[in-house]
Amino acid sequence: MNQVGPVVQIEYCTQCRWLPRAAWLAQELLTTFETELGELSLKPGTGGVFVVRVDGEVVWDRREQGFPEPTAVKQAVRDRVAPEKSLGHSDKPASSEISP
C-alpha cells in the first residue's frame, strides 16, 4: 500500500459507546487536514480507551489529558503533520508571540 501522508488513528471504547465522539473528531480532522493526511482510521477498543495517534505516536490520551476539545487535537496533529499550517481563529499563539 502506498501512503501519501501521515496516518492518524483514533482508538475509542466500544463499551463506553464512544464511536459517535470518535467519528465526530475524525470528521473535524479530515476537514481541517484535507490534503495533509494519508489516512485516518477508527479503531474499536475497550476499557475506557480514547487515544489519538499520528504515525503510531500518541498525541492525545483521555486517561492522561481528559476528553479533548477538537481544537487541542487539531493543534497536536498539526504540530506533527503540517507545523506551518494556520488553524485560523482556533489557533493559540506560541508563547513567544504573547505580549507581556
PDB file of N, CA and C in Angstrom:
ATOM      1  N   MET A   1       0.841  -1.177   0.000  1.00  0.00           N
ATOM      2  CA  MET A   1       0.000   0.000   0.000  1.00  0.00           C
ATOM      3  C   MET A   1       0.888   1.242   0.000  1.00  0.00           C
ATOM      4  N   ASN A   2       0.612   2.171  -0.863  1.00  0.00           N
ATOM      5  CA  ASN A   2       1.379   3.398  -0.997  1.00  0.00           C
ATOM      6  C   ASN A   2       0.684   4.515  -0.222  1.00  0.00           C
ATOM      7  N   GLN A   3       1.304   4.957   0.859  1.00  0.00           N
ATOM      8  CA  GLN A   3       0.719   6.022   1.666  1.00  0.00           C
ATOM      9  C   GLN A   3       1.243   7.374   1.212  1.00  0.00           C
ATOM     10  N   VAL A   4       0.359   8.321   1.073  1.00  0.00           N
ATOM     11  CA  VAL A   4       0.700   9.644   0.597  1.00  0.00           C
ATOM     12  C   VAL A   4       1.120  10.561   1.739  1.00  0.00           C
ATOM     13  N   GLY A   5       0.589  10.352   2.915  1.00  0.00           N
ATOM     14  CA  GLY A   5       0.879  11.240   4.044  1.00  0.00           C
ATOM     15  C   GLY A   5       0.761  10.510   5.359  1.00  0.00           C
ATOM     16  N   PRO A   6       0.805  11.258   6.455  1.00  0.00           N
ATOM     17  CA  PRO A   6       0.730  10.678   7.792  1.00  0.00           C
ATOM     18  C   PRO A   6      -0.586   9.921   8.039  1.00  0.00           C
ATOM     19  N   VAL A   7      -0.503   8.960   8.944  1.00  0.00           N
ATOM     20  CA  VAL A   7      -1.661   8.154   9.316  1.00  0.00           C
ATOM     21  C   VAL A   7      -2.123   8.553  10.713  1.00  0.00           C
ATOM     22  N   VAL A   8      -3.400   8.911  10.817  1.00  0.00           N
ATOM     23  CA  VAL A   8      -4.000   9.234  12.113  1.00  0.00           C
ATOM     24  C   VAL A   8      -4.930   8.091  12.494  1.00  0.00           C
ATOM     25  N   GLN A   9      -4.866   7.701  13.749  1.00  0.00           N
ATOM     26  CA  GLN A   9      -5.735   6.645  14.261  1.00  0.00           C
ATOM     27  C   GLN A   9      -6.416   7.153  15.533  1.00  0.00           C
ATOM     28  N   ILE A  10      -7.713   6.948  15.595  1.00  0.00           N
ATOM     29  CA  ILE A  10      -8.470   7.269  16.802  1.00  0.00           C
ATOM     30  C   ILE A  10      -8.982   5.942  17.358  1.00  0.00           C
ATOM     31  N   GLU A  11      -8.472   5.576  18.520  1.00  0.00           N
ATOM     32  CA  GLU A  11      -8.921   4.354  19.188  1.00  0.00           C
ATOM     33  C   GLU A  11      -9.929   4.766  20.254  1.00  0.00           C
ATOM     34  N   TYR A  12     -11.091   4.128  20.244  1.00  0.00           N
ATOM     35  CA  TYR A  12     -12.181   4.517  21.130  1.00  0.00           C
ATOM     36  C   TYR A  12     -12.772   3.282  21.800  1.00  0.00           C
ATOM     37  N   CYS A  13     -13.419   3.483  22.943  1.00  0.00           N
ATOM     38  CA  CYS A  13     -14.017   2.389  23.709  1.00  0.00           C
ATOM     39  C   CYS A  13     -15.423   2.071  23.197  1.00  0.00           C
ATOM     40  N   THR A  14     -15.604   0.827  22.766  1.00  0.00           N
ATOM     41  CA  THR A  14     -16.928   0.404  22.304  1.00  0.00           C
ATOM     42  C   THR A  14     -17.869   0.178  23.486  1.00  0.00           C
ATOM     43  N   GLN A  15     -17.333  -0.259  24.627  1.00  0.00           N
ATOM     44  CA  GLN A  15     -18.157  -0.486  25.816  1.00  0.00           C
ATOM     45  C   GLN A  15     -18.766   0.819  26.318  1.00  0.00           C
ATOM     46  N   CYS A  16     -18.028   1.902  26.125  1.00  0.00           N
ATOM     47  CA  CYS A  16     -18.475   3.227  26.573  1.00  0.00           C
ATOM     48  C   CYS A  16     -19.342   3.922  25.525  1.00  0.00           C
ATOM     49  N   ARG A  17     -19.450   3.308  24.367  1.00  0.00           N
ATOM     50  CA  ARG A  17     -20.229   3.853  23.243  1.00  0.00           C
ATOM     51  C   ARG A  17     -19.687   5.211  22.788  1.00  0.00           C
ATOM     52  N   TRP A  18     -18.359   5.255  22.600  1.00  0.00           N
ATOM     53  CA  TRP A  18     -17.714   6.496  22.199  1.00  0.00           C
ATOM     54  C   TRP A  18     -17.495   6.595  20.693  1.00  0.00           C
ATOM     55  N   LEU A  19     -18.115   5.709  19.907  1.00  0.00           N
ATOM     56  CA  LEU A  19     -17.996   5.805  18.453  1.00  0.00           C
ATOM     57  C   LEU A  19     -18.459   7.162  17.923  1.00  0.00           C
ATOM     58  N   PRO A  20     -19.623   7.690  18.339  1.00  0.00           N
ATOM     59  CA  PRO A  20     -20.025   8.998  17.801  1.00  0.00           C
ATOM     60  C   PRO A  20     -18.999  10.100  18.072  1.00  0.00           C
ATOM     61  N   ARG A  21     -18.405  10.085  19.252  1.00  0.00           N
ATOM     62  CA  ARG A  21     -17.390  11.088  19.597  1.00  0.00           C
ATOM     63  C   ARG A  21     -16.151  10.918  18.704  1.00  0.00           C
ATOM     64  N   ALA A  22     -15.734   9.665  18.510  1.00  0.00           N
ATOM     65  CA  ALA A  22     -14.568   9.389  17.666  1.00  0.00           C
ATOM     66  C   ALA A  22     -14.843   9.770  16.213  1.00  0.00           C
ATOM     67  N   ALA A  23     -16.035   9.460  15.724  1.00  0.00           N
ATOM     68  CA  ALA A  23     -16.393   9.781  14.341  1.00  0.00           C
ATOM     69  C   ALA A  23     -16.459  11.296  14.131  1.00  0.00           C
ATOM     70  N   TRP A  24     -16.979  12.008  15.097  1.00  0.00           N
ATOM     71  CA  TRP A  24     -17.051  13.465  15.013  1.00  0.00           C
ATOM     72  C   TRP A  24     -15.650  14.076  14.974  1.00  0.00           C
ATOM     73  N   LEU A  25     -14.754  13.568  15.842  1.00  0.00           N
ATOM     74  CA  LEU A  25     -13.386  14.062  15.847  1.00  0.00           C
ATOM     75  C   LEU A  25     -12.692  13.725  14.521  1.00  0.00           C
ATOM     76  N   ALA A  26     -12.954  12.532  13.991  1.00  0.00           N
ATOM     77  CA  ALA A  26     -12.384  12.141  12.699  1.00  0.00           C
ATOM     78  C   ALA A  26     -12.830  13.109  11.609  1.00  0.00           C
ATOM     79  N   GLN A  27     -14.101  13.454  11.609  1.00  0.00           N
ATOM     80  CA  GLN A  27     -14.630  14.406  10.626  1.00  0.00           C
ATOM     81  C   GLN A  27     -13.933  15.759  10.758  1.00  0.00           C
ATOM     82  N   GLU A  28     -13.753  16.231  11.973  1.00  0.00           N
ATOM     83  CA  GLU A  28     -13.069  17.506  12.210  1.00  0.00           C
ATOM     84  C   GLU A  28     -11.645  17.477  11.662  1.00  0.00           C
ATOM     85  N   LEU A  29     -10.924  16.382  11.920  1.00  0.00           N
ATOM     86  CA  LEU A  29      -9.546  16.274  11.443  1.00  0.00           C
ATOM     87  C   LEU A  29      -9.476  16.158   9.927  1.00  0.00           C
ATOM     88  N   LEU A  30     -10.378  15.374   9.339  1.00  0.00           N
ATOM     89  CA  LEU A  30     -10.378  15.223   7.882  1.00  0.00           C
ATOM     90  C   LEU A  30     -10.743  16.530   7.182  1.00  0.00           C
ATOM     91  N   THR A  31     -11.599  17.308   7.779  1.00  0.00           N
ATOM     92  CA  THR A  31     -11.980  18.592   7.202  1.00  0.00           C
ATOM     93  C   THR A  31     -10.827  19.595   7.308  1.00  0.00           C
ATOM     94  N   THR A  32     -10.145  19.587   8.432  1.00  0.00           N
ATOM     95  CA  THR A  32      -9.045  20.526   8.662  1.00  0.00           C
ATOM     96  C   THR A  32      -7.805  20.175   7.853  1.00  0.00           C
ATOM     97  N   PHE A  33      -7.507  18.873   7.743  1.00  0.00           N
ATOM     98  CA  PHE A  33      -6.280  18.422   7.084  1.00  0.00           C
ATOM     99  C   PHE A  33      -6.608  17.634   5.816  1.00  0.00           C
ATOM    100  N   GLU A  34      -7.387  18.245   4.937  1.00  0.00           N
ATOM    101  CA  GLU A  34      -7.863  17.572   3.719  1.00  0.00           C
ATOM    102  C   GLU A  34      -6.737  17.029   2.856  1.00  0.00           C
ATOM    103  N   THR A  35      -5.667  17.774   2.699  1.00  0.00           N
ATOM    104  CA  THR A  35      -4.591  17.358   1.799  1.00  0.00           C
ATOM    105  C   THR A  35      -3.362  16.832   2.525  1.00  0.00           C
ATOM    106  N   GLU A  36      -3.291  17.022   3.841  1.00  0.00           N
ATOM    107  CA  GLU A  36      -2.084  16.639   4.578  1.00  0.00           C
ATOM    108  C   GLU A  36      -2.073  15.183   5.049  1.00  0.00           C
ATOM    109  N   LEU A  37      -3.245  14.592   5.258  1.00  0.00           N
ATOM    110  CA  LEU A  37      -3.298  13.235   5.809  1.00  0.00           C
ATOM    111  C   LEU A  37      -3.354  12.178   4.711  1.00  0.00           C
ATOM    112  N   GLY A  38      -2.660  11.076   4.949  1.00  0.00           N
ATOM    113  CA  GLY A  38      -2.714   9.954   4.032  1.00  0.00           C
ATOM    114  C   GLY A  38      -3.836   8.997   4.381  1.00  0.00           C
ATOM    115  N   GLU A  39      -4.167   8.947   5.671  1.00  0.00           N
ATOM    116  CA  GLU A  39      -5.189   8.002   6.133  1.00  0.00           C
ATOM    117  C   GLU A  39      -5.652   8.405   7.520  1.00  0.00           C
ATOM    118  N   LEU A  40      -6.923   8.141   7.802  1.00  0.00           N
ATOM    119  CA  LEU A  40      -7.458   8.303   9.145  1.00  0.00           C
ATOM    120  C   LEU A  40      -8.327   7.082   9.413  1.00  0.00           C
ATOM    121  N   SER A  41      -8.063   6.416  10.542  1.00  0.00           N
ATOM    122  CA  SER A  41      -8.838   5.212  10.854  1.00  0.00           C
ATOM    123  C   SER A  41      -9.410   5.297  12.260  1.00  0.00           C
ATOM    124  N   LEU A  42     -10.515   4.593  12.442  1.00  0.00           N
ATOM    125  CA  LEU A  42     -11.136   4.422  13.748  1.00  0.00           C
ATOM    126  C   LEU A  42     -10.872   2.991  14.196  1.00  0.00           C
ATOM    127  N   LYS A  43     -10.366   2.839  15.418  1.00  0.00           N
ATOM    128  CA  LYS A  43     -10.020   1.518  15.940  1.00  0.00           C
ATOM    129  C   LYS A  43     -10.844   1.235  17.184  1.00  0.00           C
ATOM    130  N   PRO A  44     -11.739   0.260  17.114  1.00  0.00           N
ATOM    131  CA  PRO A  44     -12.520  -0.096  18.302  1.00  0.00           C
ATOM    132  C   PRO A  44     -11.611  -0.655  19.397  1.00  0.00           C
ATOM    133  N   GLY A  45     -11.881  -0.252  20.626  1.00  0.00           N
ATOM    134  CA  GLY A  45     -11.148  -0.751  21.774  1.00  0.00           C
ATOM    135  C   GLY A  45     -12.092  -0.942  22.947  1.00  0.00           C
ATOM    136  N   THR A  46     -11.529  -1.242  24.109  1.00  0.00           N
ATOM    137  CA  THR A  46     -12.331  -1.443  25.314  1.00  0.00           C
ATOM    138  C   THR A  46     -11.610  -0.797  26.503  1.00  0.00           C
ATOM    139  N   GLY A  47     -12.254  -0.829  27.640  1.00  0.00           N
ATOM    140  CA  GLY A  47     -11.618  -0.381  28.873  1.00  0.00           C
ATOM    141  C   GLY A  47     -11.482   1.123  29.021  1.00  0.00           C
ATOM    142  N   GLY A  48     -12.354   1.882  28.361  1.00  0.00           N
ATOM    143  CA  GLY A  48     -12.331   3.328  28.523  1.00  0.00           C
ATOM    144  C   GLY A  48     -11.288   4.048  27.682  1.00  0.00           C
ATOM    145  N   VAL A  49     -10.754   3.368  26.675  1.00  0.00           N
ATOM    146  CA  VAL A  49      -9.713   3.966  25.844  1.00  0.00           C
ATOM    147  C   VAL A  49     -10.279   5.038  24.912  1.00  0.00           C
ATOM    148  N   PHE A  50      -9.554   6.145  24.792  1.00  0.00           N
ATOM    149  CA  PHE A  50      -9.804   7.163  23.770  1.00  0.00           C
ATOM    150  C   PHE A  50      -8.456   7.815  23.496  1.00  0.00           C
ATOM    151  N   VAL A  51      -7.786   7.317  22.453  1.00  0.00           N
ATOM    152  CA  VAL A  51      -6.419   7.719  22.149  1.00  0.00           C
ATOM    153  C   VAL A  51      -6.332   8.147  20.694  1.00  0.00           C
ATOM    154  N   VAL A  52      -5.634   9.247  20.445  1.00  0.00           N
ATOM    155  CA  VAL A  52      -5.376   9.717  19.085  1.00  0.00           C
ATOM    156  C   VAL A  52      -3.883   9.547  18.830  1.00  0.00           C
ATOM    157  N   ARG A  53      -3.554   8.904  17.696  1.00  0.00           N
ATOM    158  CA  ARG A  53      -2.156   8.671  17.320  1.00  0.00           C
ATOM    159  C   ARG A  53      -1.889   9.245  15.932  1.00  0.00           C
ATOM    160  N   VAL A  54      -0.671   9.727  15.740  1.00  0.00           N
ATOM    161  CA  VAL A  54      -0.199  10.126  14.418  1.00  0.00           C
ATOM    162  C   VAL A  54       1.037   9.279  14.132  1.00  0.00           C
ATOM    163  N   ASP A  55       0.955   8.468  13.083  1.00  0.00           N
ATOM    164  CA  ASP A  55       2.055   7.558  12.728  1.00  0.00           C
ATOM    165  C   ASP A  55       2.530   6.754  13.933  1.00  0.00           C
ATOM    166  N   GLY A  56       1.575   6.291  14.749  1.00  0.00           N
ATOM    167  CA  GLY A  56       1.882   5.447  15.897  1.00  0.00           C
ATOM    168  C   GLY A  56       2.227   6.196  17.170  1.00  0.00           C
ATOM    169  N   GLU A  57       2.474   7.494  17.093  1.00  0.00           N
ATOM    170  CA  GLU A  57       2.817   8.300  18.261  1.00  0.00           C
ATOM    171  C   GLU A  57       1.541   8.842  18.914  1.00  0.00           C
ATOM    172  N   VAL A  58       1.387   8.609  20.205  1.00  0.00           N
ATOM    173  CA  VAL A  58       0.224   9.116  20.927  1.00  0.00           C
ATOM    174  C   VAL A  58       0.318  10.633  21.024  1.00  0.00           C
ATOM    175  N   VAL A  59      -0.727  11.315  20.533  1.00  0.00           N
ATOM    176  CA  VAL A  59      -0.781  12.774  20.645  1.00  0.00           C
ATOM    177  C   VAL A  59      -1.881  13.217  21.612  1.00  0.00           C
ATOM    178  N   TRP A  60      -2.809  12.309  21.935  1.00  0.00           N
ATOM    179  CA  TRP A  60      -3.838  12.607  22.936  1.00  0.00           C
ATOM    180  C   TRP A  60      -4.302  11.308  23.571  1.00  0.00           C
ATOM    181  N   ASP A  61      -4.315  11.267  24.897  1.00  0.00           N
ATOM    182  CA  ASP A  61      -4.786  10.092  25.628  1.00  0.00           C
ATOM    183  C   ASP A  61      -5.755  10.575  26.704  1.00  0.00           C
ATOM    184  N   ARG A  62      -6.994  10.132  26.602  1.00  0.00           N
ATOM    185  CA  ARG A  62      -8.031  10.566  27.535  1.00  0.00           C
ATOM    186  C   ARG A  62      -7.646  10.270  28.984  1.00  0.00           C
ATOM    187  N   ARG A  63      -6.963   9.180  29.225  1.00  0.00           N
ATOM    188  CA  ARG A  63      -6.611   8.807  30.597  1.00  0.00           C
ATOM    189  C   ARG A  63      -5.654   9.817  31.236  1.00  0.00           C
ATOM    190  N   GLU A  64      -4.839  10.462  30.405  1.00  0.00           N
ATOM    191  CA  GLU A  64      -3.872  11.423  30.928  1.00  0.00           C
ATOM    192  C   GLU A  64      -4.352  12.870  30.794  1.00  0.00           C
ATOM    193  N   GLN A  65      -5.115  13.151  29.727  1.00  0.00           N
ATOM    194  CA  GLN A  65      -5.454  14.533  29.412  1.00  0.00           C
ATOM    195  C   GLN A  65      -6.947  14.843  29.435  1.00  0.00           C
ATOM    196  N   GLY A  66      -7.773  13.840  29.697  1.00  0.00           N
ATOM    197  CA  GLY A  66      -9.215  14.033  29.658  1.00  0.00           C
ATOM    198  C   GLY A  66      -9.720  14.026  28.222  1.00  0.00           C
ATOM    199  N   PHE A  67     -11.014  14.215  28.057  1.00  0.00           N
ATOM    200  CA  PHE A  67     -11.558  14.253  26.702  1.00  0.00           C
ATOM    201  C   PHE A  67     -11.095  15.514  26.005  1.00  0.00           C
ATOM    202  N   PRO A  68     -10.675  15.373  24.768  1.00  0.00           N
ATOM    203  CA  PRO A  68     -10.126  16.528  24.069  1.00  0.00           C
ATOM    204  C   PRO A  68     -11.185  17.430  23.460  1.00  0.00           C
ATOM    205  N   GLU A  69     -10.866  18.705  23.447  1.00  0.00           N
ATOM    206  CA  GLU A  69     -11.598  19.633  22.604  1.00  0.00           C
ATOM    207  C   GLU A  69     -11.007  19.461  21.210  1.00  0.00           C
ATOM    208  N   PRO A  70     -11.811  19.570  20.173  1.00  0.00           N
ATOM    209  CA  PRO A  70     -11.272  19.389  18.817  1.00  0.00           C
ATOM    210  C   PRO A  70     -10.085  20.305  18.521  1.00  0.00           C
ATOM    211  N   THR A  71     -10.127  21.526  19.030  1.00  0.00           N
ATOM    212  CA  THR A  71      -9.035  22.471  18.786  1.00  0.00           C
ATOM    213  C   THR A  71      -7.710  21.936  19.308  1.00  0.00           C
ATOM    214  N   ALA A  72      -7.720  21.349  20.498  1.00  0.00           N
ATOM    215  CA  ALA A  72      -6.488  20.832  21.094  1.00  0.00           C
ATOM    216  C   ALA A  72      -5.918  19.683  20.274  1.00  0.00           C
ATOM    217  N   VAL A  73      -6.788  18.798  19.779  1.00  0.00           N
ATOM    218  CA  VAL A  73      -6.318  17.682  18.963  1.00  0.00           C
ATOM    219  C   VAL A  73      -5.817  18.192  17.616  1.00  0.00           C
ATOM    220  N   LYS A  74      -6.532  19.150  17.031  1.00  0.00           N
ATOM    221  CA  LYS A  74      -6.085  19.726  15.759  1.00  0.00           C
ATOM    222  C   LYS A  74      -4.694  20.329  15.903  1.00  0.00           C
ATOM    223  N   GLN A  75      -4.445  21.016  17.011  1.00  0.00           N
ATOM    224  CA  GLN A  75      -3.131  21.610  17.233  1.00  0.00           C
ATOM    225  C   GLN A  75      -2.059  20.527  17.374  1.00  0.00           C
ATOM    226  N   ALA A  76      -2.359  19.462  18.114  1.00  0.00           N
ATOM    227  CA  ALA A  76      -1.393  18.380  18.301  1.00  0.00           C
ATOM    228  C   ALA A  76      -1.091  17.672  16.982  1.00  0.00           C
ATOM    229  N   VAL A  77      -2.132  17.436  16.180  1.00  0.00           N
ATOM    230  CA  VAL A  77      -1.943  16.797  14.881  1.00  0.00           C
ATOM    231  C   VAL A  77      -1.185  17.738  13.945  1.00  0.00           C
ATOM    232  N   ARG A  78      -1.604  18.998  13.908  1.00  0.00           N
ATOM    233  CA  ARG A  78      -0.945  19.993  13.055  1.00  0.00           C
ATOM    234  C   ARG A  78       0.547  20.068  13.343  1.00  0.00           C
ATOM    235  N   ASP A  79       0.915  20.063  14.626  1.00  0.00           N
ATOM    236  CA  ASP A  79       2.319  20.182  15.011  1.00  0.00           C
ATOM    237  C   ASP A  79       3.159  19.042  14.448  1.00  0.00           C
ATOM    238  N   ARG A  80       2.528  17.918  14.134  1.00  0.00           N
ATOM    239  CA  ARG A  80       3.261  16.762  13.606  1.00  0.00           C
ATOM    240  C   ARG A  80       3.155  16.612  12.089  1.00  0.00           C
ATOM    241  N   VAL A  81       2.046  17.042  11.513  1.00  0.00           N
ATOM    242  CA  VAL A  81       1.849  16.799  10.074  1.00  0.00           C
ATOM    243  C   VAL A  81       2.017  18.044   9.209  1.00  0.00           C
ATOM    244  N   ALA A  82       1.785  19.226   9.749  1.00  0.00           N
ATOM    245  CA  ALA A  82       1.867  20.464   8.965  1.00  0.00           C
ATOM    246  C   ALA A  82       2.131  21.652   9.893  1.00  0.00           C
ATOM    247  N   PRO A  83       3.327  21.706  10.507  1.00  0.00           N
ATOM    248  CA  PRO A  83       3.609  22.733  11.510  1.00  0.00           C
ATOM    249  C   PRO A  83       3.400  24.164  11.021  1.00  0.00           C
ATOM    250  N   GLU A  84       3.527  24.377   9.737  1.00  0.00           N
ATOM    251  CA  GLU A  84       3.375  25.729   9.192  1.00  0.00           C
ATOM    252  C   GLU A  84       1.920  26.116   8.966  1.00  0.00           C
ATOM    253  N   LYS A  85       0.997  25.159   9.065  1.00  0.00           N
ATOM    254  CA  LYS A  85      -0.413  25.406   8.775  1.00  0.00           C
ATOM    255  C   LYS A  85      -1.078  26.231   9.876  1.00  0.00           C
ATOM    256  N   SER A  86      -1.788  27.266   9.464  1.00  0.00           N
ATOM    257  CA  SER A  86      -2.559  28.059  10.409  1.00  0.00           C
ATOM    258  C   SER A  86      -3.914  27.402  10.626  1.00  0.00           C
ATOM    259  N   LEU A  87      -4.350  27.402  11.857  1.00  0.00           N
ATOM    260  CA  LEU A  87      -5.676  26.874  12.173  1.00  0.00           C
ATOM    261  C   LEU A  87      -6.679  28.008  12.347  1.00  0.00           C
ATOM    262  N   GLY A  88      -6.307  29.176  11.881  1.00  0.00           N
ATOM    263  CA  GLY A  88      -7.213  30.322  11.932  1.00  0.00           C
ATOM    264  C   GLY A  88      -7.485  30.784  13.344  1.00  0.00           C
ATOM    265  N   HIS A  89      -8.725  31.174  13.604  1.00  0.00           N
ATOM    266  CA  HIS A  89      -9.091  31.743  14.904  1.00  0.00           C
ATOM    267  C   HIS A  89      -8.930  30.772  16.061  1.00  0.00           C
ATOM    268  N   SER A  90      -8.924  29.467  15.776  1.00  0.00           N
ATOM    269  CA  SER A  90      -8.809  28.493  16.862  1.00  0.00           C
ATOM    270  C   SER A  90      -7.361  28.196  17.225  1.00  0.00           C
ATOM    271  N   ASP A  91      -6.435  28.820  16.506  1.00  0.00           N
ATOM    272  CA  ASP A  91      -5.020  28.600  16.784  1.00  0.00           C
ATOM    273  C   ASP A  91      -4.584  29.452  17.955  1.00  0.00           C
ATOM    274  N   LYS A  92      -3.894  28.832  18.898  1.00  0.00           N
ATOM    275  CA  LYS A  92      -3.372  29.636  20.003  1.00  0.00           C
ATOM    276  C   LYS A  92      -1.956  30.078  19.637  1.00  0.00           C
ATOM    277  N   PRO A  93      -1.607  31.309  19.953  1.00  0.00           N
ATOM    278  CA  PRO A  93      -0.279  31.809  19.587  1.00  0.00           C
ATOM    279  C   PRO A  93       0.817  31.125  20.401  1.00  0.00           C
ATOM    280  N   ALA A  94       1.985  31.006  19.800  1.00  0.00           N
ATOM    281  CA  ALA A  94       3.135  30.485  20.528  1.00  0.00           C
ATOM    282  C   ALA A  94       3.457  31.437  21.673  1.00  0.00           C
ATOM    283  N   SER A  95       4.065  30.920  22.720  1.00  0.00           N
ATOM    284  CA  SER A  95       4.334  31.746  23.903  1.00  0.00           C
ATOM    285  C   SER A  95       5.205  32.953  23.555  1.00  0.00           C
ATOM    286  N   SER A  96       6.051  32.835  22.529  1.00  0.00           N
ATOM    287  CA  SER A  96       6.905  33.955  22.139  1.00  0.00           C
ATOM    288  C   SER A  96       6.107  35.076  21.470  1.00  0.00           C
ATOM    289  N   GLU A  97       4.885  34.771  21.016  1.00  0.00           N
ATOM    290  CA  GLU A  97       4.068  35.772  20.337  1.00  0.00           C
ATOM    291  C   GLU A  97       3.109  36.504  21.288  1.00  0.00           C
ATOM    292  N   ILE A  98       3.060  36.088  22.543  1.00  0.00           N
ATOM    293  CA  ILE A  98       2.145  36.684  23.511  1.00  0.00           C
ATOM    294  C   ILE A  98       2.805  37.934  24.089  1.00  0.00           C
ATOM    295  N   SER A  99       2.086  39.022  24.080  1.00  0.00           N
ATOM    296  CA  SER A  99       2.608  40.275  24.628  1.00  0.00           C
ATOM    297  C   SER A  99       2.641  40.214  26.147  1.00  0.00           C
ATOM    298  N   PRO A 100       3.654  40.830  26.746  1.00  0.00           N
ATOM    299  CA  PRO A 100       3.732  40.818  28.231  1.00  0.00           C
ATOM    300  C   PRO A 100       2.681  41.702  28.849  1.00  0.00           C
TER     301      PRO A 100
END
